[in-house]
N, C-alpha and C. Protein backbone atom coordinates (compact mmCIF):
# COMPACT_ATOMS: atom_id res chain seq x y z
N UNK A 1 28.43 7.20 31.82
CA UNK A 1 27.08 7.40 32.31
C UNK A 1 26.13 7.38 31.12
N UNK A 2 25.01 6.75 31.31
CA UNK A 2 24.01 6.66 30.26
C UNK A 2 22.80 7.50 30.61
N UNK A 3 23.00 8.79 30.74
CA UNK A 3 21.92 9.69 31.08
C UNK A 3 21.06 10.01 29.87
N UNK A 4 20.02 10.82 30.06
CA UNK A 4 19.09 11.13 28.97
C UNK A 4 19.74 11.79 27.76
N UNK A 5 20.75 12.61 27.93
CA UNK A 5 21.35 13.29 26.80
C UNK A 5 22.60 12.63 26.28
N UNK A 6 22.95 11.47 26.77
CA UNK A 6 24.19 10.81 26.39
C UNK A 6 24.03 10.13 25.04
N UNK A 7 24.95 10.41 24.12
CA UNK A 7 24.87 9.81 22.78
C UNK A 7 25.98 8.80 22.54
N UNK A 8 26.74 8.49 23.53
CA UNK A 8 27.80 7.51 23.35
C UNK A 8 28.96 8.04 22.54
N UNK A 9 29.13 9.34 22.47
CA UNK A 9 30.25 9.90 21.75
C UNK A 9 30.01 10.01 20.26
N UNK A 10 28.83 9.58 19.78
CA UNK A 10 28.53 9.66 18.36
C UNK A 10 28.00 11.05 18.03
N UNK A 11 28.36 11.51 16.88
CA UNK A 11 27.85 12.80 16.42
C UNK A 11 26.55 12.60 15.67
N UNK A 12 25.74 13.62 15.69
CA UNK A 12 24.52 13.59 14.90
C UNK A 12 24.87 13.75 13.43
N UNK A 13 24.12 13.08 12.55
CA UNK A 13 24.43 13.26 11.12
C UNK A 13 24.09 14.68 10.69
N UNK A 14 24.79 15.18 9.70
CA UNK A 14 24.50 16.54 9.23
C UNK A 14 23.11 16.58 8.59
N UNK A 15 22.48 17.72 8.59
CA UNK A 15 21.15 17.82 7.97
C UNK A 15 21.24 17.55 6.47
N UNK A 16 20.16 17.02 5.93
CA UNK A 16 20.13 16.70 4.51
C UNK A 16 19.96 17.97 3.68
N UNK A 17 20.59 17.96 2.53
CA UNK A 17 20.37 19.06 1.58
C UNK A 17 18.99 18.85 0.96
N UNK A 18 18.40 19.87 0.35
CA UNK A 18 17.09 19.69 -0.28
C UNK A 18 17.07 18.57 -1.32
N UNK A 19 18.13 18.42 -2.10
CA UNK A 19 18.18 17.35 -3.10
C UNK A 19 18.21 15.98 -2.43
N UNK A 20 19.00 15.87 -1.35
CA UNK A 20 19.06 14.60 -0.62
C UNK A 20 17.73 14.28 0.04
N UNK A 21 17.06 15.30 0.57
CA UNK A 21 15.76 15.09 1.20
C UNK A 21 14.74 14.64 0.17
N UNK A 22 14.78 15.22 -1.02
CA UNK A 22 13.85 14.84 -2.09
C UNK A 22 14.12 13.40 -2.54
N UNK A 23 15.38 13.04 -2.68
CA UNK A 23 15.73 11.67 -3.07
C UNK A 23 15.31 10.68 -2.00
N UNK A 24 15.47 11.06 -0.74
CA UNK A 24 15.07 10.20 0.36
C UNK A 24 13.56 10.00 0.36
N UNK A 25 12.82 11.06 0.12
CA UNK A 25 11.36 10.97 0.07
C UNK A 25 10.91 10.11 -1.11
N UNK A 26 11.58 10.25 -2.25
CA UNK A 26 11.23 9.44 -3.41
C UNK A 26 11.51 7.96 -3.15
N UNK A 27 12.62 7.69 -2.49
CA UNK A 27 12.93 6.30 -2.15
C UNK A 27 11.92 5.73 -1.18
N UNK A 28 11.47 6.54 -0.24
CA UNK A 28 10.46 6.09 0.72
C UNK A 28 9.14 5.82 0.01
N UNK A 29 8.75 6.68 -0.92
CA UNK A 29 7.50 6.48 -1.67
C UNK A 29 7.58 5.22 -2.52
N UNK A 30 8.73 4.96 -3.13
CA UNK A 30 8.90 3.75 -3.92
C UNK A 30 8.81 2.51 -3.05
N UNK A 31 9.40 2.57 -1.87
CA UNK A 31 9.35 1.42 -0.97
C UNK A 31 7.92 1.17 -0.50
N UNK A 32 7.18 2.23 -0.22
CA UNK A 32 5.78 2.07 0.19
C UNK A 32 4.95 1.46 -0.93
N UNK A 33 5.19 1.88 -2.17
CA UNK A 33 4.44 1.34 -3.31
C UNK A 33 4.76 -0.13 -3.52
N UNK A 34 6.04 -0.49 -3.38
CA UNK A 34 6.41 -1.91 -3.51
C UNK A 34 5.77 -2.74 -2.40
N UNK A 35 5.74 -2.20 -1.19
CA UNK A 35 5.10 -2.91 -0.08
C UNK A 35 3.61 -3.10 -0.35
N UNK A 36 2.97 -2.07 -0.88
CA UNK A 36 1.55 -2.17 -1.20
C UNK A 36 1.32 -3.22 -2.28
N UNK A 37 2.23 -3.31 -3.24
CA UNK A 37 2.11 -4.32 -4.30
C UNK A 37 2.23 -5.73 -3.73
N UNK A 38 2.97 -5.89 -2.66
CA UNK A 38 3.06 -7.20 -2.02
C UNK A 38 1.84 -7.51 -1.16
N UNK A 39 1.26 -6.49 -0.56
CA UNK A 39 0.14 -6.69 0.36
C UNK A 39 -1.19 -6.85 -0.37
N UNK A 40 -1.35 -6.22 -1.52
CA UNK A 40 -2.64 -6.25 -2.22
C UNK A 40 -3.13 -7.67 -2.53
N UNK A 41 -2.32 -8.57 -3.06
CA UNK A 41 -2.82 -9.94 -3.29
C UNK A 41 -3.22 -10.65 -2.00
N UNK A 42 -2.49 -10.39 -0.92
CA UNK A 42 -2.86 -11.01 0.35
C UNK A 42 -4.19 -10.46 0.85
N UNK A 43 -4.37 -9.15 0.71
CA UNK A 43 -5.64 -8.52 1.08
C UNK A 43 -6.78 -9.12 0.24
N UNK A 44 -6.53 -9.31 -1.05
CA UNK A 44 -7.54 -9.91 -1.92
C UNK A 44 -7.89 -11.32 -1.51
N UNK A 45 -6.89 -12.08 -1.15
CA UNK A 45 -7.16 -13.45 -0.71
C UNK A 45 -7.99 -13.45 0.57
N UNK A 46 -7.71 -12.53 1.47
CA UNK A 46 -8.49 -12.45 2.70
C UNK A 46 -9.95 -12.10 2.44
N UNK A 47 -10.18 -11.26 1.43
CA UNK A 47 -11.56 -10.88 1.13
C UNK A 47 -12.42 -12.06 0.69
N UNK A 48 -11.79 -13.09 0.14
CA UNK A 48 -12.54 -14.21 -0.39
C UNK A 48 -12.45 -15.47 0.46
N UNK A 49 -11.87 -15.35 1.66
CA UNK A 49 -11.82 -16.50 2.55
C UNK A 49 -13.22 -16.80 3.11
N UNK A 50 -13.53 -18.09 3.29
CA UNK A 50 -14.87 -18.47 3.74
C UNK A 50 -15.37 -17.77 5.01
N UNK A 51 -14.56 -17.53 6.04
CA UNK A 51 -15.15 -16.86 7.20
C UNK A 51 -15.72 -15.48 6.89
N UNK A 52 -15.06 -14.73 6.02
CA UNK A 52 -15.56 -13.40 5.68
C UNK A 52 -16.70 -13.49 4.69
N UNK A 53 -16.59 -14.34 3.70
CA UNK A 53 -17.66 -14.50 2.73
C UNK A 53 -18.90 -15.08 3.40
N UNK A 54 -18.70 -15.93 4.39
CA UNK A 54 -19.82 -16.55 5.11
C UNK A 54 -20.69 -15.54 5.83
N UNK A 55 -20.13 -14.40 6.18
CA UNK A 55 -20.93 -13.36 6.83
C UNK A 55 -22.04 -12.89 5.90
N UNK A 56 -21.79 -12.90 4.62
CA UNK A 56 -22.76 -12.42 3.64
C UNK A 56 -23.61 -13.54 3.05
N UNK A 57 -23.41 -14.76 3.48
CA UNK A 57 -24.18 -15.90 2.98
C UNK A 57 -25.48 -16.02 3.77
N UNK A 58 -26.37 -15.05 3.55
CA UNK A 58 -27.66 -15.03 4.23
C UNK A 58 -28.75 -14.96 3.17
N UNK A 59 -29.98 -14.97 3.61
CA UNK A 59 -31.10 -14.85 2.68
C UNK A 59 -31.38 -13.39 2.32
N UNK A 60 -30.62 -12.48 2.86
CA UNK A 60 -30.82 -11.06 2.57
C UNK A 60 -30.55 -10.76 1.10
N UNK A 61 -31.28 -9.79 0.60
CA UNK A 61 -31.13 -9.40 -0.79
C UNK A 61 -31.01 -7.88 -0.88
N UNK A 62 -30.26 -7.44 -1.86
CA UNK A 62 -30.11 -6.02 -2.13
C UNK A 62 -30.58 -5.79 -3.55
N UNK A 63 -31.72 -5.11 -3.70
CA UNK A 63 -32.35 -4.89 -5.01
C UNK A 63 -32.61 -6.22 -5.72
N UNK A 64 -32.97 -7.23 -4.97
CA UNK A 64 -33.30 -8.53 -5.53
C UNK A 64 -32.11 -9.44 -5.76
N UNK A 65 -30.90 -8.97 -5.49
CA UNK A 65 -29.69 -9.76 -5.70
C UNK A 65 -29.21 -10.28 -4.34
N UNK A 66 -28.90 -11.57 -4.25
CA UNK A 66 -28.41 -12.09 -2.96
C UNK A 66 -27.18 -11.31 -2.48
N UNK A 67 -27.13 -11.09 -1.18
CA UNK A 67 -26.08 -10.27 -0.59
C UNK A 67 -24.68 -10.85 -0.84
N UNK A 68 -24.57 -12.16 -0.89
CA UNK A 68 -23.25 -12.77 -1.13
C UNK A 68 -22.74 -12.43 -2.54
N UNK A 69 -23.65 -12.36 -3.51
CA UNK A 69 -23.26 -12.01 -4.87
C UNK A 69 -22.81 -10.55 -4.92
N UNK A 70 -23.55 -9.68 -4.21
CA UNK A 70 -23.17 -8.27 -4.14
C UNK A 70 -21.78 -8.15 -3.51
N UNK A 71 -21.53 -8.89 -2.42
CA UNK A 71 -20.22 -8.85 -1.75
C UNK A 71 -19.10 -9.30 -2.67
N UNK A 72 -19.30 -10.42 -3.35
CA UNK A 72 -18.24 -10.95 -4.20
C UNK A 72 -17.89 -9.98 -5.33
N UNK A 73 -18.89 -9.42 -5.98
CA UNK A 73 -18.60 -8.49 -7.07
C UNK A 73 -18.06 -7.16 -6.55
N UNK A 74 -18.52 -6.71 -5.40
CA UNK A 74 -17.99 -5.46 -4.83
C UNK A 74 -16.53 -5.64 -4.43
N UNK A 75 -16.20 -6.77 -3.81
CA UNK A 75 -14.82 -7.04 -3.42
C UNK A 75 -13.93 -7.17 -4.66
N UNK A 76 -14.43 -7.84 -5.66
CA UNK A 76 -13.69 -8.00 -6.91
C UNK A 76 -13.43 -6.64 -7.55
N UNK A 77 -14.47 -5.81 -7.62
CA UNK A 77 -14.33 -4.46 -8.19
C UNK A 77 -13.35 -3.61 -7.39
N UNK A 78 -13.42 -3.72 -6.06
CA UNK A 78 -12.49 -2.98 -5.20
C UNK A 78 -11.05 -3.39 -5.49
N UNK A 79 -10.80 -4.67 -5.64
CA UNK A 79 -9.44 -5.14 -5.94
C UNK A 79 -8.97 -4.64 -7.31
N UNK A 80 -9.87 -4.59 -8.27
CA UNK A 80 -9.49 -4.09 -9.59
C UNK A 80 -9.11 -2.62 -9.51
N UNK A 81 -9.90 -1.83 -8.81
CA UNK A 81 -9.62 -0.39 -8.68
C UNK A 81 -8.31 -0.18 -7.93
N UNK A 82 -8.10 -0.92 -6.83
CA UNK A 82 -6.86 -0.77 -6.07
C UNK A 82 -5.64 -1.17 -6.89
N UNK A 83 -5.76 -2.25 -7.66
CA UNK A 83 -4.64 -2.69 -8.51
C UNK A 83 -4.36 -1.67 -9.60
N UNK A 84 -5.41 -1.06 -10.17
CA UNK A 84 -5.23 -0.05 -11.20
C UNK A 84 -4.51 1.18 -10.63
N UNK A 85 -4.96 1.64 -9.46
CA UNK A 85 -4.32 2.81 -8.85
C UNK A 85 -2.86 2.51 -8.48
N UNK A 86 -2.63 1.31 -7.97
CA UNK A 86 -1.27 0.93 -7.59
C UNK A 86 -0.36 0.83 -8.81
N UNK A 87 -0.88 0.29 -9.91
CA UNK A 87 -0.06 0.17 -11.11
C UNK A 87 0.30 1.54 -11.67
N UNK A 88 -0.64 2.48 -11.61
CA UNK A 88 -0.34 3.84 -12.08
C UNK A 88 0.70 4.49 -11.18
N UNK A 89 0.60 4.25 -9.89
CA UNK A 89 1.56 4.82 -8.95
C UNK A 89 2.96 4.25 -9.18
N UNK A 90 3.02 2.93 -9.35
CA UNK A 90 4.32 2.30 -9.61
C UNK A 90 4.91 2.77 -10.93
N UNK A 91 4.08 2.92 -11.95
CA UNK A 91 4.57 3.38 -13.25
C UNK A 91 5.12 4.80 -13.13
N UNK A 92 4.45 5.66 -12.37
CA UNK A 92 4.91 7.03 -12.18
C UNK A 92 6.24 7.05 -11.44
N UNK A 93 6.35 6.21 -10.41
CA UNK A 93 7.59 6.16 -9.64
C UNK A 93 8.74 5.65 -10.49
N UNK A 94 8.48 4.63 -11.30
CA UNK A 94 9.52 4.11 -12.18
C UNK A 94 9.92 5.14 -13.24
N UNK A 95 8.95 5.88 -13.76
CA UNK A 95 9.27 6.91 -14.76
C UNK A 95 10.09 8.02 -14.14
N UNK A 96 9.78 8.41 -12.92
CA UNK A 96 10.57 9.44 -12.24
C UNK A 96 11.98 8.95 -11.96
N UNK A 97 12.10 7.67 -11.61
CA UNK A 97 13.42 7.11 -11.32
C UNK A 97 14.27 7.07 -12.61
N UNK A 98 13.64 6.69 -13.72
CA UNK A 98 14.36 6.64 -14.99
C UNK A 98 14.72 8.04 -15.47
N UNK A 99 13.80 8.97 -15.33
CA UNK A 99 14.04 10.34 -15.78
C UNK A 99 15.02 11.07 -14.91
N UNK A 100 15.01 10.78 -13.60
CA UNK A 100 15.92 11.46 -12.69
C UNK A 100 17.34 10.95 -12.75
N UNK A 101 17.53 9.75 -13.29
CA UNK A 101 18.87 9.16 -13.31
C UNK A 101 19.72 9.62 -14.46
N UNK A 102 19.12 10.20 -15.52
CA UNK A 102 19.90 10.53 -16.70
C UNK A 102 20.21 11.94 -16.75
């Protein structure tokens, strides 16, 4: 019978020890950082695609500067800040992995 409480005869895994839970969390954080490192260039490419940039290609000005120029430099600056934060995060994760292994 495949009722709501049926597990197919499999036992539940034992609970993790605090050390195992910490290692699991560290592995999850490292995987998230690697995923972010893969997604950031794609996000950057999307910011500069013509359909999105075209939204700002108007005669509007911000403090005398065309809005498209403001958009391009703001997007560029955002990518630089995100890449800097991500690189620091990855460096910290790698340092913890190296320090925790010895």
